[in-house]
Amino acid sequence: MQPLVKRRRLGYSNQKIHLMKKPNLLFYTLCFAFNLFLCSTLILGTIEPNRAIKAYFLGYAFIQSLLEISLITLIGYWIEKHLPRWSFNVFLGGFCFYLFARFIDFIMISLMDRSIFYAFKIFFLSGWNHFFASIRAMNLNLTMSLLIIVTTCLLPFVGTFLYTLCRKMSKRTISPKFLVANLFSLSILLFLFDTTSLSFLDLKTYLSYQKSLPLKFTFLHPKGPALRLDMPIKKGETEDKILTSLQNQGSPSEKRPLIFLFIVETLREDFITKETAPHLVAFRNENISLPFSFSNAQGSHLSWYSIFFSFYPHHWPHHKNTWENGSPSLQLLKDLGYQIHLLTSADLSYYQMDDMLFGCDRQVLTSFYDYNVKWPNRPEIRDQKAVSDLIQRINTLKDNEGHIFLVFLDRNFYRLTTRSII
């Protein structure tokens, strides 16, 4: 009887190991439900009067979520079956990172209507210097920074813990053959969805829902109107050519009134009210004010480029790596006899804009005061220091002409506090 008992125990043990290496149904079902919840919430929150279109994208998000989780589950199964145990733990940690990224993507789309790929492009595709400048520009406090670091460190362990917990709670598994069949059938179903949608979807509606989908794309999509040009868009002029054209225009002027240029981060004209900025409202009412305001670009570096170079922002990629002597406008003012003073609360190393605007070693500037380094506090405190120093320097001027003051105020991503600044 002993050999028979051993064989039964051995058979039970092999069956148990075999079941442990199959994907756990509970764990991946919860991940699927979490992913689908985020996508469905975004789709339902999209402004769209046509309920049929909303229902279509809800169905599309359901199929894409199922396709996505089937593929991830199949990858995890292969890793657990053929590679060492630590490899599967790394996979679970990476999967947990992915789900966390999906949650961040959900927050970004809800607040900014921008996908996480937009943030990835800003943070990681312009070099390490720009990465750290972008982190500083977010003005995170110490508590938030520590929370992000701790969360990032704990996520891999959380993934392993949740999978182990789900395996103890439920022994139900998913067949790998079922997953493979799912991949093929769902892919075909999505393709059929796409071919059907081309008859009733326009590009504008499609783009409003696209970022809410799990995979952020579809196999097919409606095409927008094509604009044909007789010739390619003209490239921006080279620096040498622009500087040559300025040489005959810049000569000392007899009258050089004081010039003040305030560049306030994330400030919108329609938010300048008596409650938020009473002094700015009074100044606007007593002086020349334009009835309409238009932004050249939705980005700090592109807006700065347009202001100081008088070019449209699509020329910035052409100039960003070739320009060395600073803004043509500032060079012209310097040739006219102006002294140029910069007071900045913002981090101008963002996209290396300090070198582009003011030249290598800030050659166009007469004086430079960086409160982002000297006063590493909240943006409004740095802004207050910059404005108070500006007032002090104006009061101590020996002559009331021949000076231009450039003041960069940060206050990035914060509630308006202009009343306490100006």
Protein backbone atom coordinates (compact mmCIF):
# COMPACT_ATOMS: atom_id res chain seq x y z
CA MET A 1 0.00 0.00 0.00
CA GLN A 2 2.89 2.40 0.71
CA PRO A 3 4.01 2.73 -2.96
CA LEU A 4 0.39 3.43 -3.97
CA VAL A 5 0.03 6.16 -1.30
CA LYS A 6 3.32 7.74 -2.38
CA ARG A 7 2.21 7.75 -5.98
CA ARG A 8 -1.08 9.39 -5.02
CA ARG A 9 0.72 12.01 -2.94
CA LEU A 10 3.20 12.57 -5.74
CA GLY A 11 0.36 12.92 -8.25
CA TYR A 12 -1.42 15.40 -5.96
CA SER A 13 1.80 17.39 -5.53
CA ASN A 14 2.41 17.56 -9.30
CA GLN A 15 -1.18 18.63 -9.86
CA LYS A 16 -0.78 21.37 -7.25
CA ILE A 17 2.42 22.66 -8.87
CA HIS A 18 0.74 22.57 -12.26
CA LEU A 19 -2.19 24.60 -10.94
CA MET A 20 0.14 27.13 -9.29
CA LYS A 21 1.83 27.81 -12.62
CA LYS A 22 -1.47 28.54 -14.34
CA PRO A 23 -2.69 32.18 -14.27
CA ASN A 24 -4.87 33.00 -11.29
CA LEU A 25 -8.35 33.98 -12.43
CA LEU A 26 -9.17 36.24 -9.46
CA PHE A 27 -6.03 38.39 -9.75
CA TYR A 28 -6.34 39.08 -13.46
CA THR A 29 -10.11 39.59 -13.23
CA LEU A 30 -9.58 42.30 -10.61
CA CYS A 31 -6.94 43.96 -12.81
CA PHE A 32 -9.32 43.83 -15.77
CA ALA A 33 -12.13 45.36 -13.70
CA PHE A 34 -9.83 48.16 -12.44
CA ASN A 35 -8.68 48.98 -15.97
CA LEU A 36 -12.20 48.91 -17.38
CA PHE A 37 -13.50 51.12 -14.56
CA LEU A 38 -10.95 53.85 -15.35
CA CYS A 39 -11.68 53.78 -19.08
CA SER A 40 -15.46 53.68 -18.63
CA THR A 41 -15.39 56.63 -16.23
CA LEU A 42 -13.46 58.73 -18.76
CA ILE A 43 -15.78 57.77 -21.62
CA LEU A 44 -18.92 58.51 -19.62
CA GLY A 45 -17.45 61.87 -18.62
CA THR A 46 -16.86 62.91 -22.23
CA ILE A 47 -19.25 65.60 -23.45
CA GLU A 48 -21.19 63.84 -26.20
CA PRO A 49 -24.95 64.17 -26.79
CA ASN A 50 -25.10 61.01 -28.91
CA ARG A 51 -25.58 58.09 -26.52
CA ALA A 52 -25.07 55.53 -29.29
CA ILE A 53 -21.50 56.76 -29.84
CA LYS A 54 -20.82 56.57 -26.10
CA ALA A 55 -22.18 53.02 -26.02
CA TYR A 56 -19.98 52.13 -28.99
CA PHE A 57 -16.80 53.33 -27.26
CA LEU A 58 -17.81 51.65 -24.00
CA GLY A 59 -18.06 48.37 -25.89
CA TYR A 60 -14.77 49.07 -27.64
CA ALA A 61 -13.08 49.80 -24.29
CA PHE A 62 -14.45 46.54 -22.86
CA ILE A 63 -13.04 44.47 -25.75
CA GLN A 64 -9.69 46.30 -25.69
CA SER A 65 -9.37 45.83 -21.92
CA LEU A 66 -10.10 42.11 -22.33
CA LEU A 67 -7.57 41.85 -25.17
CA GLU A 68 -4.95 43.73 -23.17
CA ILE A 69 -5.36 41.66 -20.00
CA SER A 70 -5.36 38.41 -22.03
CA LEU A 71 -2.02 39.32 -23.60
CA ILE A 72 -0.49 40.34 -20.24
CA THR A 73 -1.81 37.15 -18.61
CA LEU A 74 -0.31 35.00 -21.37
CA ILE A 75 3.07 36.72 -20.97
CA GLY A 76 2.95 36.18 -17.22
CA TYR A 77 2.07 32.51 -17.70
CA TRP A 78 5.03 31.96 -20.02
CA ILE A 79 7.42 33.72 -17.60
CA GLU A 80 6.16 31.73 -14.60
CA LYS A 81 6.38 28.42 -16.45
CA HIS A 82 9.75 28.76 -18.19
CA LEU A 83 11.81 31.25 -16.13
CA PRO A 84 12.99 31.34 -12.49
CA ARG A 85 10.61 32.45 -9.77
CA TRP A 86 12.27 35.86 -9.34
CA SER A 87 11.52 36.63 -13.00
CA PHE A 88 7.81 36.25 -12.34
CA ASN A 89 8.10 38.51 -9.29
CA VAL A 90 9.74 41.14 -11.49
CA PHE A 91 6.87 40.73 -13.98
CA LEU A 92 4.29 41.25 -11.20
CA GLY A 93 6.14 44.37 -10.04
CA GLY A 94 6.24 45.73 -13.59
CA PHE A 95 2.55 44.95 -14.05
CA CYS A 96 1.77 46.82 -10.84
CA PHE A 97 3.77 49.80 -12.15
CA TYR A 98 1.72 49.62 -15.33
CA LEU A 99 -1.58 49.71 -13.44
CA PHE A 100 -0.32 52.64 -11.39
CA ALA A 101 0.61 54.43 -14.63
CA ARG A 102 -2.92 53.79 -15.88
CA PHE A 103 -4.27 55.49 -12.77
CA ILE A 104 -1.96 58.50 -13.32
CA ASP A 105 -3.14 58.58 -16.93
CA PHE A 106 -6.73 58.63 -15.68
CA ILE A 107 -5.97 61.61 -13.40
CA MET A 108 -4.16 63.54 -16.17
CA ILE A 109 -6.97 63.07 -18.70
CA SER A 110 -9.59 64.05 -16.12
CA LEU A 111 -7.77 67.25 -15.08
CA MET A 112 -5.77 68.28 -18.15
CA ASP A 113 -7.27 66.30 -21.06
CA ARG A 114 -3.73 65.02 -21.69
CA SER A 115 -2.54 61.43 -21.77
CA ILE A 116 0.41 60.15 -19.75
CA PHE A 117 2.33 59.86 -23.03
CA TYR A 118 2.33 63.66 -23.16
CA ALA A 119 4.02 63.77 -19.74
CA PHE A 120 6.44 61.04 -20.80
CA LYS A 121 7.44 63.11 -23.83
CA ILE A 122 8.03 66.20 -21.69
CA PHE A 123 9.98 64.45 -18.95
CA PHE A 124 12.10 61.84 -20.73
CA LEU A 125 12.66 62.77 -24.39
CA SER A 126 14.76 65.92 -23.92
CA GLY A 127 17.68 64.75 -21.80
CA TRP A 128 18.38 64.45 -18.07
CA ASN A 129 18.85 68.19 -17.57
CA HIS A 130 15.36 68.84 -18.82
CA PHE A 131 14.00 65.94 -16.72
CA PHE A 132 15.23 67.54 -13.46
CA ALA A 133 14.08 70.99 -14.61
CA SER A 134 10.59 69.58 -15.23
CA ILE A 135 10.55 67.98 -11.77
CA ARG A 136 11.48 71.32 -10.20
CA ALA A 137 8.83 73.10 -12.28
CA MET A 138 6.14 70.94 -10.66
CA ASN A 139 6.91 72.61 -7.30
CA LEU A 140 6.28 69.43 -5.31
CA ASN A 141 6.55 69.83 -1.56
CA LEU A 142 8.61 67.48 0.60
CA THR A 143 5.63 65.38 1.70
CA MET A 144 4.44 64.76 -1.86
CA SER A 145 7.99 63.95 -3.01
CA LEU A 146 8.47 61.41 -0.23
CA LEU A 147 5.06 59.87 -0.94
CA ILE A 148 5.95 59.39 -4.62
CA ILE A 149 9.33 57.82 -3.74
CA VAL A 150 7.82 55.45 -1.13
CA THR A 151 5.00 54.45 -3.49
CA THR A 152 7.45 53.74 -6.31
CA CYS A 153 9.60 51.56 -4.03
CA LEU A 154 6.65 49.60 -2.64
CA LEU A 155 4.83 48.91 -5.91
CA PRO A 156 6.86 45.78 -6.90
CA PHE A 157 6.22 44.19 -3.50
CA VAL A 158 2.54 45.13 -3.65
CA GLY A 159 2.19 43.25 -6.95
CA THR A 160 3.71 40.06 -5.53
CA PHE A 161 1.65 40.33 -2.34
CA LEU A 162 -1.66 40.79 -4.19
CA TYR A 163 -1.00 37.85 -6.51
CA THR A 164 -0.10 35.58 -3.58
CA LEU A 165 -3.20 36.73 -1.69
CA CYS A 166 -5.49 36.11 -4.68
CA ARG A 167 -3.98 32.65 -5.17
CA LYS A 168 -4.79 31.78 -1.55
CA MET A 169 -8.33 33.16 -1.85
CA SER A 170 -9.16 31.37 -5.09
CA LYS A 171 -7.72 28.30 -6.80
CA ARG A 172 -9.50 28.96 -10.08
CA THR A 173 -7.14 29.39 -13.02
CA ILE A 174 -7.27 30.40 -16.69
CA SER A 175 -6.43 28.01 -19.49
CA PRO A 176 -3.57 29.23 -21.73
CA LYS A 177 -5.43 27.85 -24.76
CA PHE A 178 -8.40 30.01 -23.85
CA LEU A 179 -6.11 33.07 -23.70
CA VAL A 180 -4.67 32.37 -27.15
CA ALA A 181 -8.15 31.94 -28.58
CA ASN A 182 -9.16 35.18 -26.88
CA LEU A 183 -6.34 37.11 -28.54
CA PHE A 184 -7.33 36.02 -32.04
CA SER A 185 -11.10 36.35 -31.62
CA LEU A 186 -10.94 39.75 -29.86
CA SER A 187 -8.53 41.15 -32.46
CA ILE A 188 -10.92 40.16 -35.25
CA LEU A 189 -13.85 41.61 -33.31
CA LEU A 190 -12.05 44.95 -32.85
CA PHE A 191 -11.23 45.09 -36.55
CA LEU A 192 -14.93 44.55 -37.34
CA PHE A 193 -15.82 47.33 -34.89
CA ASP A 194 -13.41 49.65 -36.72
CA THR A 195 -14.79 48.93 -40.17
CA THR A 196 -18.31 49.58 -38.89
CA SER A 197 -17.42 52.86 -37.17
CA LEU A 198 -16.00 54.52 -40.29
CA SER A 199 -19.53 55.07 -41.57
CA PHE A 200 -20.73 57.20 -38.63
CA LEU A 201 -17.64 58.52 -36.79
CA ASP A 202 -15.97 61.83 -37.66
CA LEU A 203 -12.37 62.66 -36.73
CA LYS A 204 -13.25 65.20 -34.03
CA THR A 205 -15.48 62.75 -32.15
CA TYR A 206 -12.92 59.98 -32.54
CA LEU A 207 -10.10 62.10 -31.09
CA SER A 208 -12.22 63.11 -28.08
CA TYR A 209 -12.59 59.42 -27.13
CA GLN A 210 -9.29 57.99 -28.34
CA LYS A 211 -7.23 58.91 -25.27
CA SER A 212 -9.81 57.19 -23.02
CA LEU A 213 -9.31 53.80 -24.64
CA PRO A 214 -7.02 51.26 -22.90
CA LEU A 215 -4.58 50.99 -25.83
CA LYS A 216 -4.96 54.65 -26.96
CA PHE A 217 -5.42 53.60 -30.59
CA THR A 218 -7.65 51.65 -32.95
CA PHE A 219 -6.82 49.57 -36.02
CA LEU A 220 -8.73 51.97 -38.27
CA HIS A 221 -9.86 55.53 -37.71
CA PRO A 222 -11.66 58.27 -39.66
CA LYS A 223 -9.49 60.63 -41.67
CA GLY A 224 -9.68 64.39 -41.41
CA PRO A 225 -9.58 66.94 -44.23
CA ALA A 226 -6.20 67.20 -45.96
CA LEU A 227 -4.76 70.62 -46.70
CA ARG A 228 -2.57 70.66 -49.79
CA LEU A 229 0.12 73.34 -50.02
CA ASP A 230 1.76 74.50 -53.22
CA MET A 231 5.09 74.59 -51.41
CA PRO A 232 6.47 73.44 -48.02
CA ILE A 233 6.20 75.74 -45.00
CA LYS A 234 9.12 78.13 -44.97
CA LYS A 235 11.77 77.39 -42.36
CA GLY A 236 12.83 80.01 -39.85
CA GLU A 237 15.66 82.33 -40.79
CA THR A 238 19.15 81.43 -39.58
CA GLU A 239 20.68 83.33 -36.68
CA ASP A 240 23.44 84.84 -38.83
CA LYS A 241 20.93 86.23 -41.32
CA ILE A 242 18.76 87.78 -38.61
CA LEU A 243 21.74 89.33 -36.80
CA THR A 244 23.00 90.79 -40.07
CA SER A 245 19.62 92.42 -40.70
CA LEU A 246 19.69 93.94 -37.18
CA GLN A 247 23.14 95.51 -37.48
CA ASN A 248 21.86 98.54 -39.42
CA GLN A 249 18.87 99.06 -37.13
CA GLY A 250 20.44 99.17 -33.70
CA SER A 251 21.98 102.56 -32.79
CA PRO A 252 21.83 104.40 -29.45
CA SER A 253 18.59 106.32 -29.02
CA GLU A 254 18.13 109.64 -27.23
CA LYS A 255 14.87 108.62 -25.58
CA ARG A 256 14.89 105.28 -23.82
CA PRO A 257 11.86 104.97 -21.52
CA LEU A 258 11.76 102.28 -18.86
CA ILE A 259 10.35 98.96 -20.08
CA PHE A 260 8.80 96.33 -17.82
CA LEU A 261 7.89 92.86 -19.11
CA PHE A 262 6.12 90.51 -16.67
CA ILE A 263 5.79 86.87 -17.72
CA VAL A 264 3.43 85.05 -15.35
CA GLU A 265 3.23 81.26 -15.57
CA THR A 266 -0.24 79.76 -16.20
CA LEU A 267 -2.00 83.14 -15.86
CA ARG A 268 -5.15 83.51 -17.95
CA GLU A 269 -6.66 86.87 -18.85
CA ASP A 270 -10.18 85.77 -17.89
CA PHE A 271 -8.96 84.99 -14.36
CA ILE A 272 -7.78 88.57 -13.71
CA THR A 273 -10.67 89.82 -11.58
CA LYS A 274 -11.11 92.26 -8.70
CA GLU A 275 -11.14 89.32 -6.29
CA THR A 276 -7.92 87.64 -7.47
CA ALA A 277 -5.84 90.58 -8.75
CA PRO A 278 -7.34 93.99 -7.84
CA HIS A 279 -4.18 95.94 -8.67
CA LEU A 280 -3.81 94.33 -12.08
CA VAL A 281 -7.47 95.11 -12.83
CA ALA A 282 -6.94 98.75 -11.84
CA PHE A 283 -3.81 98.94 -13.99
CA ARG A 284 -5.65 97.40 -16.93
CA ASN A 285 -8.54 99.87 -16.61
CA GLU A 286 -6.28 102.93 -16.34
CA ASN A 287 -3.95 102.05 -19.21
CA ILE A 288 -4.00 100.53 -22.70
CA SER A 289 -5.52 97.06 -22.66
CA LEU A 290 -6.21 94.73 -25.56
CA PRO A 291 -9.79 93.35 -25.65
CA PHE A 292 -8.66 89.91 -26.83
CA SER A 293 -5.67 87.78 -25.88
CA PHE A 294 -4.34 84.82 -27.82
CA SER A 295 -1.75 82.28 -26.74
CA ASN A 296 0.83 81.25 -29.33
CA ALA A 297 1.22 77.82 -27.76
CA GLN A 298 0.12 75.65 -24.84
CA GLY A 299 3.56 75.34 -23.30
CA SER A 300 5.96 77.59 -21.38
CA HIS A 301 9.02 77.17 -23.61
CA LEU A 302 7.06 77.74 -26.84
CA SER A 303 5.33 80.83 -25.42
CA TRP A 304 8.65 82.27 -24.22
CA TYR A 305 10.14 81.61 -27.64
CA SER A 306 7.27 83.42 -29.41
CA ILE A 307 7.46 86.43 -27.05
CA PHE A 308 11.21 86.99 -27.30
CA PHE A 309 11.82 85.90 -30.90
CA SER A 310 8.62 87.16 -32.58
CA PHE A 311 8.33 83.86 -34.45
CA TYR A 312 5.52 81.34 -34.51
CA PRO A 313 6.21 78.36 -32.21
CA HIS A 314 6.57 75.84 -35.05
CA HIS A 315 9.98 77.43 -35.76
CA TRP A 316 11.28 76.52 -32.29
CA PRO A 317 12.59 73.03 -33.20
CA HIS A 318 14.60 74.62 -36.02
CA HIS A 319 16.25 77.17 -33.70
CA LYS A 320 16.55 75.39 -30.34
CA ASN A 321 19.91 73.68 -31.02
CA THR A 322 21.47 76.32 -33.28
CA TRP A 323 20.78 79.68 -31.59
CA GLU A 324 23.68 81.00 -29.50
CA ASN A 325 23.45 84.78 -29.01
CA GLY A 326 20.07 85.22 -27.36
CA SER A 327 16.81 86.86 -28.39
CA PRO A 328 17.05 89.20 -31.42
CA SER A 329 14.67 91.63 -29.68
CA LEU A 330 16.89 91.84 -26.62
CA GLN A 331 19.99 92.23 -28.76
CA LEU A 332 18.34 95.12 -30.59
CA LEU A 333 17.39 96.78 -27.29
CA LYS A 334 20.93 96.35 -26.07
CA ASP A 335 22.27 98.01 -29.25
CA LEU A 336 19.85 100.89 -28.58
CA GLY A 337 21.63 101.48 -25.27
CA TYR A 338 19.35 99.61 -22.87
CA GLN A 339 20.57 97.80 -19.77
CA ILE A 340 18.67 94.53 -19.44
CA HIS A 341 17.86 93.19 -15.95
CA LEU A 342 16.34 89.77 -15.31
CA LEU A 343 14.54 88.75 -12.12
CA THR A 344 13.16 85.24 -12.25
CA SER A 345 11.22 83.06 -9.89
CA ALA A 346 10.74 80.45 -12.63
CA ASP A 347 13.35 77.84 -13.57
CA LEU A 348 14.60 79.06 -16.95
CA SER A 349 16.70 75.94 -17.54
CA TYR A 350 13.43 74.35 -18.75
CA TYR A 351 14.31 73.10 -22.26
CA GLN A 352 17.57 75.11 -21.85
CA MET A 353 15.58 78.27 -22.59
CA ASP A 354 17.97 80.46 -20.54
CA ASP A 355 20.74 79.92 -23.10
CA MET A 356 18.36 80.40 -26.01
CA LEU A 357 16.73 83.59 -24.70
CA PHE A 358 19.77 85.33 -23.22
CA GLY A 359 22.69 83.74 -25.05
CA CYS A 360 25.60 81.69 -23.76
CA ASP A 361 26.63 82.89 -20.27
CA ARG A 362 23.62 85.29 -20.43
CA GLN A 363 25.58 87.67 -22.60
CA VAL A 364 22.68 90.05 -23.35
CA LEU A 365 21.92 90.64 -19.65
CA THR A 366 23.28 93.43 -17.50
CA SER A 367 22.14 91.81 -14.23
CA PHE A 368 20.59 88.49 -13.31
CA TYR A 369 18.73 87.45 -10.14
CA ASP A 370 17.51 83.86 -9.80
CA TYR A 371 15.12 83.40 -6.86
CA ASN A 372 14.48 79.81 -7.84
CA VAL A 373 17.93 78.96 -6.46
CA LYS A 374 18.26 81.45 -3.62
CA TRP A 375 14.71 81.01 -2.33
CA PRO A 376 13.72 77.33 -2.75
CA ASN A 377 10.27 77.92 -1.24
CA ARG A 378 6.74 77.90 -2.55
CA PRO A 379 6.26 79.76 -5.86
CA GLU A 380 4.25 82.62 -4.35
CA ILE A 381 7.01 83.32 -1.81
CA ARG A 382 9.64 83.43 -4.55
CA ASP A 383 7.37 85.69 -6.61
CA GLN A 384 6.91 88.08 -3.68
CA LYS A 385 10.67 88.30 -3.24
CA ALA A 386 11.20 89.02 -6.94
CA VAL A 387 8.57 91.78 -7.01
CA SER A 388 9.79 93.41 -3.76
CA ASP A 389 13.38 93.43 -5.10
CA LEU A 390 12.13 94.93 -8.35
CA ILE A 391 10.45 97.80 -6.47
CA GLN A 392 13.61 98.36 -4.44
CA ARG A 393 15.78 98.53 -7.58
CA ILE A 394 13.39 100.96 -9.28
CA ASN A 395 13.55 103.27 -6.26
CA THR A 396 17.35 103.27 -6.32
CA LEU A 397 17.75 104.00 -10.05
CA LYS A 398 19.92 107.04 -10.74
CA ASP A 399 18.25 107.66 -14.10
CA ASN A 400 14.68 106.86 -15.12
CA GLU A 401 15.50 105.68 -18.60
CA GLY A 402 17.60 103.13 -20.46
CA HIS A 403 16.55 100.09 -18.41
CA ILE A 404 14.40 97.08 -19.24
CA PHE A 405 13.25 94.75 -16.46
CA LEU A 406 12.25 91.19 -17.34
CA VAL A 407 10.31 89.56 -14.49
CA PHE A 408 9.41 85.85 -14.67
CA LEU A 409 6.84 84.86 -12.03
CA ASP A 410 6.30 81.15 -11.44
CA ARG A 411 3.28 80.13 -9.37
CA ASN A 412 3.05 77.05 -11.55
CA PHE A 413 -0.04 74.78 -11.06
CA TYR A 414 -1.12 76.71 -7.98
CA ARG A 415 -4.31 78.53 -7.15
CA LEU A 416 -4.11 82.20 -8.06
CA THR A 417 -2.36 84.18 -5.34
CA THR A 418 -1.70 87.33 -7.36
CA ARG A 419 -3.32 89.47 -4.71
CA SER A 420 -0.53 88.63 -2.26
CA ILE A 421 2.15 89.23 -4.91
CA ILE A 422 1.29 92.50 -6.66
